[in-house]
N, C-alpha and C. Protein backbone atom coordinates (compact mmCIF):
# COMPACT_ATOMS: atom_id res chain seq x y z
N MET A 1 0.83 -1.20 0.00
CA MET A 1 0.00 0.00 0.00
C MET A 1 0.87 1.25 0.00
N MET A 2 1.93 1.28 0.80
CA MET A 2 2.79 2.46 0.86
C MET A 2 3.46 2.70 -0.49
N MET A 3 3.83 1.62 -1.17
CA MET A 3 4.46 1.76 -2.46
C MET A 3 3.50 2.41 -3.47
N ARG A 4 2.23 2.01 -3.44
CA ARG A 4 1.24 2.59 -4.35
C ARG A 4 1.06 4.07 -4.07
N GLN A 5 1.04 4.44 -2.80
CA GLN A 5 0.86 5.85 -2.44
C GLN A 5 2.08 6.65 -2.87
N ASP A 6 3.29 6.08 -2.68
CA ASP A 6 4.51 6.78 -3.09
C ASP A 6 4.50 7.07 -4.58
N ALA A 7 4.03 6.12 -5.38
CA ALA A 7 3.95 6.33 -6.83
C ALA A 7 3.00 7.48 -7.15
N ARG A 8 1.92 7.58 -6.41
CA ARG A 8 0.94 8.64 -6.65
C ARG A 8 1.48 10.03 -6.28
N GLU A 9 2.48 10.08 -5.44
CA GLU A 9 3.09 11.38 -5.08
C GLU A 9 3.60 12.10 -6.32
N ARG A 10 3.97 11.35 -7.33
CA ARG A 10 4.52 11.95 -8.56
C ARG A 10 3.42 12.31 -9.56
N TRP A 11 2.20 11.92 -9.29
CA TRP A 11 1.10 12.21 -10.20
C TRP A 11 0.74 13.69 -10.18
N SER A 12 0.25 14.18 -11.30
CA SER A 12 -0.26 15.55 -11.35
C SER A 12 -1.59 15.62 -10.61
N ASP A 13 -2.03 16.82 -10.30
CA ASP A 13 -3.35 16.99 -9.68
C ASP A 13 -4.43 16.41 -10.58
N ARG A 14 -4.29 16.61 -11.87
CA ARG A 14 -5.27 16.11 -12.84
C ARG A 14 -5.39 14.58 -12.72
N GLU A 15 -4.25 13.90 -12.63
CA GLU A 15 -4.26 12.44 -12.51
C GLU A 15 -4.85 12.01 -11.17
N LEU A 16 -4.49 12.72 -10.12
CA LEU A 16 -5.03 12.37 -8.80
C LEU A 16 -6.54 12.53 -8.75
N ILE A 17 -7.05 13.61 -9.31
CA ILE A 17 -8.49 13.85 -9.28
C ILE A 17 -9.23 12.80 -10.10
N ALA A 18 -8.66 12.41 -11.23
CA ALA A 18 -9.28 11.34 -12.02
C ALA A 18 -9.33 10.04 -11.21
N ALA A 19 -8.25 9.76 -10.47
CA ALA A 19 -8.22 8.57 -9.63
C ALA A 19 -9.20 8.70 -8.46
N ILE A 20 -9.33 9.89 -7.90
CA ILE A 20 -10.30 10.12 -6.81
C ILE A 20 -11.71 9.84 -7.33
N ALA A 21 -11.99 10.30 -8.53
CA ALA A 21 -13.31 10.05 -9.13
C ALA A 21 -13.57 8.56 -9.28
N ALA A 22 -12.49 7.78 -9.45
CA ALA A 22 -12.61 6.32 -9.56
C ALA A 22 -12.51 5.65 -8.19
N ARG A 23 -12.58 6.46 -7.12
CA ARG A 23 -12.60 5.99 -5.73
C ARG A 23 -11.27 5.36 -5.27
N ASP A 24 -10.16 5.95 -5.70
CA ASP A 24 -8.83 5.51 -5.30
C ASP A 24 -8.46 6.22 -3.99
N ARG A 25 -8.45 5.48 -2.89
CA ARG A 25 -8.19 6.06 -1.57
C ARG A 25 -6.78 6.65 -1.46
N GLU A 26 -5.79 5.97 -2.03
CA GLU A 26 -4.42 6.46 -1.93
C GLU A 26 -4.27 7.79 -2.67
N ALA A 27 -4.91 7.92 -3.82
CA ALA A 27 -4.87 9.18 -4.57
C ALA A 27 -5.52 10.29 -3.75
N CYS A 28 -6.59 9.96 -3.07
CA CYS A 28 -7.28 10.94 -2.23
C CYS A 28 -6.36 11.41 -1.11
N THR A 29 -5.64 10.48 -0.50
CA THR A 29 -4.72 10.83 0.59
C THR A 29 -3.62 11.75 0.08
N VAL A 30 -3.04 11.43 -1.06
CA VAL A 30 -1.97 12.26 -1.63
C VAL A 30 -2.50 13.65 -1.95
N PHE A 31 -3.66 13.72 -2.58
CA PHE A 31 -4.25 15.02 -2.94
C PHE A 31 -4.52 15.84 -1.68
N TYR A 32 -5.08 15.21 -0.66
CA TYR A 32 -5.38 15.87 0.61
C TYR A 32 -4.11 16.47 1.21
N ARG A 33 -3.07 15.67 1.30
CA ARG A 33 -1.80 16.15 1.87
C ARG A 33 -1.22 17.29 1.05
N ARG A 34 -1.35 17.19 -0.25
CA ARG A 34 -0.80 18.21 -1.14
C ARG A 34 -1.49 19.55 -0.98
N HIS A 35 -2.79 19.55 -0.71
CA HIS A 35 -3.56 20.81 -0.69
C HIS A 35 -4.04 21.24 0.69
N LEU A 36 -3.79 20.45 1.70
CA LEU A 36 -4.29 20.78 3.03
C LEU A 36 -3.73 22.10 3.56
N ARG A 37 -2.44 22.28 3.48
CA ARG A 37 -1.80 23.46 4.09
C ARG A 37 -2.38 24.76 3.54
N ARG A 38 -2.47 24.88 2.23
CA ARG A 38 -3.00 26.13 1.66
C ARG A 38 -4.47 26.31 1.97
N THR A 39 -5.22 25.21 1.98
CA THR A 39 -6.65 25.30 2.29
C THR A 39 -6.86 25.77 3.72
N VAL A 40 -6.12 25.18 4.65
CA VAL A 40 -6.23 25.58 6.06
C VAL A 40 -5.76 27.03 6.24
N ALA A 41 -4.69 27.41 5.55
CA ALA A 41 -4.20 28.80 5.66
C ALA A 41 -5.27 29.77 5.19
N TYR A 42 -5.91 29.46 4.06
CA TYR A 42 -6.97 30.32 3.55
C TYR A 42 -8.13 30.41 4.54
N LEU A 43 -8.57 29.26 5.04
CA LEU A 43 -9.72 29.25 5.95
C LEU A 43 -9.41 29.94 7.27
N MET A 44 -8.21 29.75 7.79
CA MET A 44 -7.83 30.46 9.04
C MET A 44 -7.79 31.97 8.80
N HIS A 45 -7.31 32.37 7.64
CA HIS A 45 -7.27 33.79 7.31
C HIS A 45 -8.68 34.38 7.29
N GLU A 46 -9.63 33.59 6.81
CA GLU A 46 -11.01 34.05 6.71
C GLU A 46 -11.79 33.94 8.02
N THR A 47 -11.56 32.88 8.79
CA THR A 47 -12.39 32.64 9.98
C THR A 47 -11.72 33.03 11.29
N HIS A 48 -10.40 32.97 11.34
CA HIS A 48 -9.64 33.21 12.58
C HIS A 48 -10.07 32.27 13.70
N ASP A 49 -10.57 31.09 13.32
CA ASP A 49 -11.08 30.13 14.30
C ASP A 49 -10.63 28.73 13.90
N PRO A 50 -9.72 28.12 14.67
CA PRO A 50 -9.22 26.79 14.28
C PRO A 50 -10.29 25.71 14.25
N GLU A 51 -11.28 25.78 15.12
CA GLU A 51 -12.34 24.77 15.12
C GLU A 51 -13.18 24.85 13.85
N VAL A 52 -13.59 26.06 13.50
CA VAL A 52 -14.38 26.26 12.29
C VAL A 52 -13.54 25.90 11.07
N THR A 53 -12.27 26.30 11.09
CA THR A 53 -11.37 25.98 9.98
C THR A 53 -11.27 24.48 9.77
N ALA A 54 -11.06 23.73 10.83
CA ALA A 54 -10.94 22.27 10.71
C ALA A 54 -12.23 21.66 10.18
N ASP A 55 -13.35 22.14 10.67
CA ASP A 55 -14.65 21.62 10.24
C ASP A 55 -14.90 21.91 8.75
N ILE A 56 -14.63 23.14 8.34
CA ILE A 56 -14.85 23.51 6.95
C ILE A 56 -13.86 22.78 6.04
N ALA A 57 -12.61 22.63 6.48
CA ALA A 57 -11.62 21.92 5.68
C ALA A 57 -12.08 20.48 5.42
N ALA A 58 -12.66 19.84 6.43
CA ALA A 58 -13.17 18.48 6.24
C ALA A 58 -14.25 18.47 5.17
N GLU A 59 -15.13 19.45 5.20
CA GLU A 59 -16.19 19.53 4.19
C GLU A 59 -15.62 19.82 2.81
N VAL A 60 -14.59 20.66 2.75
CA VAL A 60 -13.96 20.98 1.46
C VAL A 60 -13.44 19.72 0.79
N PHE A 61 -12.71 18.90 1.54
CA PHE A 61 -12.13 17.70 0.93
C PHE A 61 -13.19 16.63 0.65
N ALA A 62 -14.26 16.62 1.42
CA ALA A 62 -15.38 15.75 1.07
C ALA A 62 -16.02 16.23 -0.23
N ALA A 63 -16.13 17.54 -0.38
CA ALA A 63 -16.69 18.10 -1.61
C ALA A 63 -15.78 17.81 -2.81
N VAL A 64 -14.47 17.79 -2.60
CA VAL A 64 -13.53 17.42 -3.67
C VAL A 64 -13.84 16.01 -4.15
N ILE A 65 -14.06 15.09 -3.21
CA ILE A 65 -14.37 13.70 -3.57
C ILE A 65 -15.67 13.64 -4.37
N VAL A 66 -16.68 14.35 -3.90
CA VAL A 66 -17.99 14.35 -4.56
C VAL A 66 -17.89 14.95 -5.96
N ALA A 67 -17.10 16.03 -6.11
CA ALA A 67 -17.04 16.76 -7.38
C ALA A 67 -15.93 16.28 -8.31
N ALA A 68 -15.12 15.34 -7.90
CA ALA A 68 -13.96 14.92 -8.70
C ALA A 68 -14.32 14.53 -10.12
N GLY A 69 -15.43 13.88 -10.30
CA GLY A 69 -15.84 13.45 -11.64
C GLY A 69 -16.23 14.60 -12.56
N ARG A 70 -16.50 15.76 -11.99
CA ARG A 70 -16.88 16.93 -12.79
C ARG A 70 -15.75 17.93 -12.95
N TYR A 71 -14.58 17.60 -12.43
CA TYR A 71 -13.43 18.52 -12.47
C TYR A 71 -13.04 18.83 -13.91
N GLN A 72 -12.91 20.10 -14.22
CA GLN A 72 -12.48 20.58 -15.54
C GLN A 72 -11.15 21.29 -15.37
N PRO A 73 -10.04 20.60 -15.60
CA PRO A 73 -8.73 21.21 -15.35
C PRO A 73 -8.45 22.39 -16.28
N GLU A 74 -7.99 23.46 -15.67
CA GLU A 74 -7.60 24.65 -16.43
C GLU A 74 -6.08 24.80 -16.41
N THR A 75 -5.46 24.28 -15.35
CA THR A 75 -4.01 24.33 -15.21
C THR A 75 -3.55 23.01 -14.60
N GLU A 76 -2.25 22.86 -14.44
CA GLU A 76 -1.72 21.64 -13.84
C GLU A 76 -2.06 21.54 -12.35
N THR A 77 -2.12 22.67 -11.67
CA THR A 77 -2.45 22.64 -10.25
C THR A 77 -3.95 22.82 -10.05
N ALA A 78 -4.48 22.07 -9.12
CA ALA A 78 -5.90 22.20 -8.78
C ALA A 78 -6.10 23.14 -7.60
N ALA A 79 -5.05 23.80 -7.16
CA ALA A 79 -5.15 24.68 -5.99
C ALA A 79 -6.26 25.73 -6.14
N PRO A 80 -6.36 26.44 -7.27
CA PRO A 80 -7.45 27.43 -7.37
C PRO A 80 -8.84 26.78 -7.27
N TRP A 81 -8.98 25.57 -7.81
CA TRP A 81 -10.25 24.85 -7.74
C TRP A 81 -10.58 24.51 -6.28
N VAL A 82 -9.59 24.01 -5.55
CA VAL A 82 -9.79 23.64 -4.14
C VAL A 82 -10.14 24.88 -3.32
N ILE A 83 -9.43 25.98 -3.55
CA ILE A 83 -9.72 27.21 -2.81
C ILE A 83 -11.10 27.74 -3.21
N GLY A 84 -11.49 27.57 -4.46
CA GLY A 84 -12.85 27.96 -4.87
C GLY A 84 -13.90 27.16 -4.12
N ILE A 85 -13.66 25.87 -3.96
CA ILE A 85 -14.57 25.03 -3.17
C ILE A 85 -14.59 25.52 -1.73
N ALA A 86 -13.41 25.82 -1.18
CA ALA A 86 -13.34 26.32 0.20
C ALA A 86 -14.12 27.62 0.35
N ARG A 87 -13.99 28.48 -0.63
CA ARG A 87 -14.71 29.77 -0.58
C ARG A 87 -16.23 29.53 -0.63
N ASN A 88 -16.65 28.60 -1.48
CA ASN A 88 -18.08 28.30 -1.58
C ASN A 88 -18.62 27.66 -0.30
N VAL A 89 -17.87 26.72 0.27
CA VAL A 89 -18.30 26.08 1.51
C VAL A 89 -18.34 27.10 2.64
N LEU A 90 -17.33 27.96 2.69
CA LEU A 90 -17.31 29.01 3.72
C LEU A 90 -18.50 29.95 3.56
N GLY A 91 -18.78 30.36 2.32
CA GLY A 91 -19.91 31.25 2.07
C GLY A 91 -21.23 30.61 2.46
N ALA A 92 -21.41 29.33 2.10
CA ALA A 92 -22.65 28.62 2.47
C ALA A 92 -22.76 28.49 3.98
N SER A 93 -21.64 28.24 4.63
CA SER A 93 -21.64 28.12 6.09
C SER A 93 -22.02 29.44 6.74
N ARG A 94 -21.50 30.51 6.21
CA ARG A 94 -21.83 31.84 6.77
C ARG A 94 -23.31 32.16 6.56
N ARG A 95 -23.82 31.86 5.38
CA ARG A 95 -25.23 32.15 5.11
C ARG A 95 -26.15 31.34 6.01
N GLN A 96 -25.79 30.08 6.27
CA GLN A 96 -26.63 29.20 7.08
C GLN A 96 -26.41 29.39 8.58
N GLY A 97 -25.31 30.03 8.93
CA GLY A 97 -25.00 30.22 10.34
C GLY A 97 -24.45 28.97 11.01
N LEU A 98 -24.08 27.96 10.21
CA LEU A 98 -23.45 26.74 10.72
C LEU A 98 -22.61 26.14 9.60
N VAL A 99 -21.65 25.31 9.99
CA VAL A 99 -20.74 24.75 9.01
C VAL A 99 -21.48 23.79 8.08
N GLU A 100 -21.34 24.04 6.80
CA GLU A 100 -21.93 23.21 5.77
C GLU A 100 -21.38 21.79 5.89
N ASP A 101 -22.24 20.78 5.76
CA ASP A 101 -21.77 19.40 5.86
C ASP A 101 -22.44 18.46 4.86
N ARG A 102 -23.00 19.02 3.82
CA ARG A 102 -23.73 18.23 2.82
C ARG A 102 -22.85 17.16 2.17
N ALA A 103 -21.63 17.51 1.77
CA ALA A 103 -20.76 16.53 1.10
C ALA A 103 -20.36 15.42 2.07
N ARG A 104 -20.07 15.77 3.32
CA ARG A 104 -19.70 14.74 4.30
C ARG A 104 -20.87 13.79 4.55
N ARG A 105 -22.08 14.33 4.65
CA ARG A 105 -23.25 13.47 4.85
C ARG A 105 -23.46 12.58 3.65
N ARG A 106 -23.28 13.12 2.46
CA ARG A 106 -23.44 12.33 1.23
C ARG A 106 -22.47 11.16 1.20
N LEU A 107 -21.26 11.36 1.73
CA LEU A 107 -20.25 10.30 1.76
C LEU A 107 -20.38 9.42 3.00
N GLY A 108 -21.28 9.79 3.91
CA GLY A 108 -21.47 9.01 5.13
C GLY A 108 -20.36 9.20 6.15
N LEU A 109 -19.72 10.36 6.14
CA LEU A 109 -18.63 10.64 7.07
C LEU A 109 -19.18 11.30 8.34
N GLU A 110 -18.76 10.80 9.47
CA GLU A 110 -19.16 11.36 10.76
C GLU A 110 -18.31 12.58 11.10
N PRO A 111 -18.86 13.54 11.85
CA PRO A 111 -18.04 14.66 12.31
C PRO A 111 -16.89 14.15 13.18
N ILE A 112 -15.78 14.85 13.13
CA ILE A 112 -14.61 14.47 13.91
C ILE A 112 -14.57 15.32 15.17
N GLU A 113 -14.38 14.68 16.31
CA GLU A 113 -14.22 15.41 17.57
C GLU A 113 -12.78 15.90 17.66
N LEU A 114 -12.60 17.19 17.89
CA LEU A 114 -11.27 17.78 17.98
C LEU A 114 -10.88 18.01 19.42
N ASP A 115 -9.59 17.78 19.72
CA ASP A 115 -9.08 18.14 21.03
C ASP A 115 -8.09 19.29 20.85
N ASN A 116 -7.49 19.73 21.96
CA ASN A 116 -6.59 20.89 21.89
C ASN A 116 -5.40 20.66 20.97
N SER A 117 -4.88 19.43 20.91
CA SER A 117 -3.73 19.19 20.03
C SER A 117 -4.15 19.30 18.57
N ASP A 118 -5.38 18.89 18.25
CA ASP A 118 -5.88 19.05 16.88
C ASP A 118 -5.98 20.53 16.51
N LEU A 119 -6.47 21.33 17.43
CA LEU A 119 -6.62 22.76 17.18
C LEU A 119 -5.25 23.42 17.04
N ASP A 120 -4.30 23.00 17.88
CA ASP A 120 -2.94 23.54 17.77
C ASP A 120 -2.34 23.19 16.41
N GLU A 121 -2.57 21.96 15.96
CA GLU A 121 -2.06 21.53 14.66
C GLU A 121 -2.70 22.33 13.53
N THR A 122 -3.98 22.61 13.64
CA THR A 122 -4.66 23.42 12.63
C THR A 122 -4.03 24.80 12.54
N GLU A 123 -3.77 25.41 13.68
CA GLU A 123 -3.13 26.72 13.69
C GLU A 123 -1.72 26.64 13.11
N ALA A 124 -0.98 25.59 13.43
CA ALA A 124 0.38 25.43 12.92
C ALA A 124 0.37 25.25 11.40
N ILE A 125 -0.57 24.47 10.91
CA ILE A 125 -0.68 24.29 9.46
C ILE A 125 -0.96 25.63 8.79
N ALA A 126 -1.86 26.39 9.36
CA ALA A 126 -2.22 27.69 8.79
C ALA A 126 -1.01 28.61 8.76
N GLU A 127 -0.21 28.59 9.81
CA GLU A 127 0.98 29.45 9.85
C GLU A 127 1.99 29.03 8.81
N ARG A 128 2.11 27.73 8.54
CA ARG A 128 3.06 27.24 7.54
C ARG A 128 2.53 27.43 6.12
N GLY A 129 1.26 27.82 6.00
CA GLY A 129 0.64 27.94 4.69
C GLY A 129 1.28 28.96 3.78
N GLY A 130 1.99 29.90 4.34
CA GLY A 130 2.68 30.89 3.54
C GLY A 130 1.73 31.71 2.70
N ALA A 131 2.21 32.09 1.53
CA ALA A 131 1.40 32.89 0.62
C ALA A 131 0.29 32.03 0.06
N GLY A 132 -0.92 32.30 0.47
CA GLY A 132 -2.06 31.50 0.03
C GLY A 132 -2.47 31.85 -1.38
N VAL A 133 -3.26 30.98 -1.93
CA VAL A 133 -3.75 31.17 -3.29
C VAL A 133 -4.54 32.47 -3.40
N VAL A 134 -5.33 32.77 -2.36
CA VAL A 134 -6.14 33.99 -2.39
C VAL A 134 -5.25 35.22 -2.53
N GLU A 135 -4.18 35.26 -1.76
CA GLU A 135 -3.26 36.38 -1.84
C GLU A 135 -2.59 36.45 -3.22
N LEU A 136 -2.27 35.29 -3.78
CA LEU A 136 -1.66 35.26 -5.11
C LEU A 136 -2.63 35.77 -6.16
N VAL A 137 -3.88 35.37 -6.07
CA VAL A 137 -4.88 35.86 -7.02
C VAL A 137 -5.05 37.37 -6.85
N GLU A 138 -5.08 37.82 -5.61
CA GLU A 138 -5.24 39.26 -5.35
C GLU A 138 -4.07 40.08 -5.90
N SER A 139 -2.90 39.46 -6.04
CA SER A 139 -1.73 40.18 -6.53
C SER A 139 -1.67 40.25 -8.06
N LEU A 140 -2.59 39.58 -8.76
CA LEU A 140 -2.62 39.60 -10.22
C LEU A 140 -3.01 40.99 -10.73
N PRO A 141 -2.62 41.32 -11.96
CA PRO A 141 -3.13 42.56 -12.57
C PRO A 141 -4.66 42.53 -12.56
N SER A 142 -5.28 43.67 -12.45
CA SER A 142 -6.72 43.74 -12.22
C SER A 142 -7.55 43.00 -13.27
N ASP A 143 -7.17 43.08 -14.56
CA ASP A 143 -7.97 42.39 -15.57
C ASP A 143 -7.89 40.87 -15.40
N GLU A 144 -6.71 40.36 -15.08
CA GLU A 144 -6.55 38.92 -14.85
C GLU A 144 -7.22 38.50 -13.55
N ARG A 145 -7.07 39.32 -12.52
CA ARG A 145 -7.67 39.00 -11.22
C ARG A 145 -9.18 38.88 -11.35
N HIS A 146 -9.81 39.82 -12.00
CA HIS A 146 -11.26 39.80 -12.17
C HIS A 146 -11.69 38.56 -12.97
N ALA A 147 -10.98 38.27 -14.05
CA ALA A 147 -11.33 37.12 -14.89
C ALA A 147 -11.17 35.81 -14.12
N VAL A 148 -10.07 35.67 -13.38
CA VAL A 148 -9.84 34.43 -12.62
C VAL A 148 -10.90 34.26 -11.55
N LYS A 149 -11.18 35.32 -10.81
CA LYS A 149 -12.20 35.22 -9.75
C LYS A 149 -13.56 34.86 -10.34
N ALA A 150 -13.93 35.53 -11.42
CA ALA A 150 -15.24 35.29 -12.02
C ALA A 150 -15.35 33.86 -12.54
N ARG A 151 -14.28 33.36 -13.17
CA ARG A 151 -14.33 32.02 -13.78
C ARG A 151 -14.13 30.91 -12.76
N ILE A 152 -13.09 31.02 -11.94
CA ILE A 152 -12.70 29.92 -11.06
C ILE A 152 -13.47 29.96 -9.74
N VAL A 153 -13.51 31.10 -9.12
CA VAL A 153 -14.14 31.19 -7.80
C VAL A 153 -15.66 31.25 -7.92
N ASP A 154 -16.15 32.14 -8.78
CA ASP A 154 -17.61 32.30 -8.92
C ASP A 154 -18.21 31.31 -9.91
N GLU A 155 -17.36 30.57 -10.63
CA GLU A 155 -17.77 29.54 -11.58
C GLU A 155 -18.73 30.06 -12.65
N ARG A 156 -18.44 31.27 -13.14
CA ARG A 156 -19.27 31.85 -14.20
C ARG A 156 -18.74 31.41 -15.56
N SER A 157 -19.59 31.44 -16.56
CA SER A 157 -19.19 31.03 -17.91
C SER A 157 -18.34 32.13 -18.56
N TYR A 158 -17.53 31.71 -19.53
CA TYR A 158 -16.74 32.68 -20.27
C TYR A 158 -17.65 33.67 -20.99
N ARG A 159 -18.75 33.18 -21.51
CA ARG A 159 -19.69 34.05 -22.23
C ARG A 159 -20.25 35.14 -21.30
N GLU A 160 -20.63 34.74 -20.10
CA GLU A 160 -21.18 35.70 -19.13
C GLU A 160 -20.14 36.74 -18.74
N ILE A 161 -18.92 36.31 -18.50
CA ILE A 161 -17.85 37.23 -18.12
C ILE A 161 -17.55 38.19 -19.27
N ALA A 162 -17.47 37.65 -20.49
CA ALA A 162 -17.19 38.48 -21.67
C ALA A 162 -18.27 39.53 -21.86
N SER A 163 -19.52 39.14 -21.65
CA SER A 163 -20.62 40.09 -21.78
C SER A 163 -20.49 41.22 -20.75
N GLU A 164 -20.16 40.84 -19.53
CA GLU A 164 -20.00 41.85 -18.48
C GLU A 164 -18.84 42.80 -18.79
N LEU A 165 -17.75 42.25 -19.27
CA LEU A 165 -16.55 43.05 -19.54
C LEU A 165 -16.57 43.72 -20.92
N ARG A 166 -17.58 43.35 -21.72
CA ARG A 166 -17.71 43.88 -23.08
C ARG A 166 -16.47 43.62 -23.93
N CYS A 167 -16.10 42.34 -23.92
CA CYS A 167 -14.98 41.89 -24.74
C CYS A 167 -15.32 40.48 -25.23
N SER A 168 -14.43 39.89 -26.00
CA SER A 168 -14.70 38.55 -26.53
C SER A 168 -14.41 37.48 -25.49
N GLU A 169 -15.00 36.30 -25.71
CA GLU A 169 -14.71 35.17 -24.84
C GLU A 169 -13.23 34.81 -24.92
N LEU A 170 -12.63 34.97 -26.09
CA LEU A 170 -11.22 34.65 -26.26
C LEU A 170 -10.35 35.52 -25.35
N VAL A 171 -10.70 36.79 -25.26
CA VAL A 171 -9.95 37.69 -24.38
C VAL A 171 -10.07 37.23 -22.93
N VAL A 172 -11.27 36.86 -22.51
CA VAL A 172 -11.48 36.38 -21.14
C VAL A 172 -10.68 35.11 -20.91
N ARG A 173 -10.71 34.18 -21.87
CA ARG A 173 -9.95 32.93 -21.75
C ARG A 173 -8.46 33.20 -21.59
N LYS A 174 -7.95 34.14 -22.35
CA LYS A 174 -6.53 34.48 -22.26
C LYS A 174 -6.20 35.09 -20.91
N ARG A 175 -7.07 35.95 -20.40
CA ARG A 175 -6.84 36.55 -19.08
C ARG A 175 -6.84 35.49 -17.98
N VAL A 176 -7.80 34.58 -18.05
CA VAL A 176 -7.86 33.49 -17.07
C VAL A 176 -6.61 32.63 -17.17
N SER A 177 -6.26 32.27 -18.38
CA SER A 177 -5.09 31.41 -18.59
C SER A 177 -3.81 32.09 -18.08
N ARG A 178 -3.62 33.35 -18.44
CA ARG A 178 -2.42 34.08 -17.96
C ARG A 178 -2.41 34.19 -16.45
N GLY A 179 -3.56 34.54 -15.87
CA GLY A 179 -3.64 34.69 -14.42
C GLY A 179 -3.35 33.39 -13.69
N LEU A 180 -3.97 32.29 -14.16
CA LEU A 180 -3.72 31.00 -13.53
C LEU A 180 -2.28 30.55 -13.73
N GLY A 181 -1.71 30.89 -14.87
CA GLY A 181 -0.30 30.57 -15.11
C GLY A 181 0.61 31.27 -14.12
N ARG A 182 0.32 32.54 -13.86
CA ARG A 182 1.12 33.30 -12.87
C ARG A 182 0.97 32.69 -11.47
N VAL A 183 -0.28 32.35 -11.11
CA VAL A 183 -0.52 31.76 -9.79
C VAL A 183 0.23 30.43 -9.69
N ARG A 184 0.14 29.60 -10.73
CA ARG A 184 0.82 28.31 -10.72
C ARG A 184 2.33 28.47 -10.53
N LYS A 185 2.93 29.40 -11.27
CA LYS A 185 4.37 29.62 -11.14
C LYS A 185 4.74 30.04 -9.73
N ARG A 186 3.95 30.93 -9.16
CA ARG A 186 4.23 31.39 -7.79
C ARG A 186 4.05 30.27 -6.78
N LEU A 187 3.05 29.41 -7.00
CA LEU A 187 2.84 28.27 -6.10
C LEU A 187 4.01 27.29 -6.20
N GLU A 188 4.47 27.06 -7.41
CA GLU A 188 5.59 26.13 -7.60
C GLU A 188 6.87 26.66 -6.97
N ASN A 189 7.01 27.99 -6.92
CA ASN A 189 8.22 28.60 -6.37
C ASN A 189 8.13 28.84 -4.87
N SER A 190 6.94 28.59 -4.28
CA SER A 190 6.80 28.84 -2.84
C SER A 190 7.10 27.62 -2.02
């Protein structure tokens, strides 16, 4: 089993997500480890609460499992997709006044009881998260930042974004592609 997981460490996010969609547990573990730190850093930045962060992070990765079959890769890294899921789960949780748990219930996962060491670990992970994806997207030139947020985070169509910006879909696609490329390079260098 360890040998299979080690081989998956070399897989791209695209390959891992395809394997997750096929219910490959080892691929899920590798993907989780690869994206946990940035996800927790983002959520801690937004909530300032390690308990809520841990709860939402669990829902985010359950949602990754549920949505893996619908994943549409735009870049080699799935980090913007995962952070988009985190943003959506966080938004739904805020609107409902409680942590969203629909994906966990769908998978039959029970809530995890956290103790002080778990909360300390959540805070430590958040501190090690470094420059999060959100900060990287915010640092993009305004035209790329708007296009990336609209497409990846808000999950709007290229046609809708182009109509709003009064430009062609091709221009929007190029802005999204350039923006995600910059984010990917910065993530790889961090």
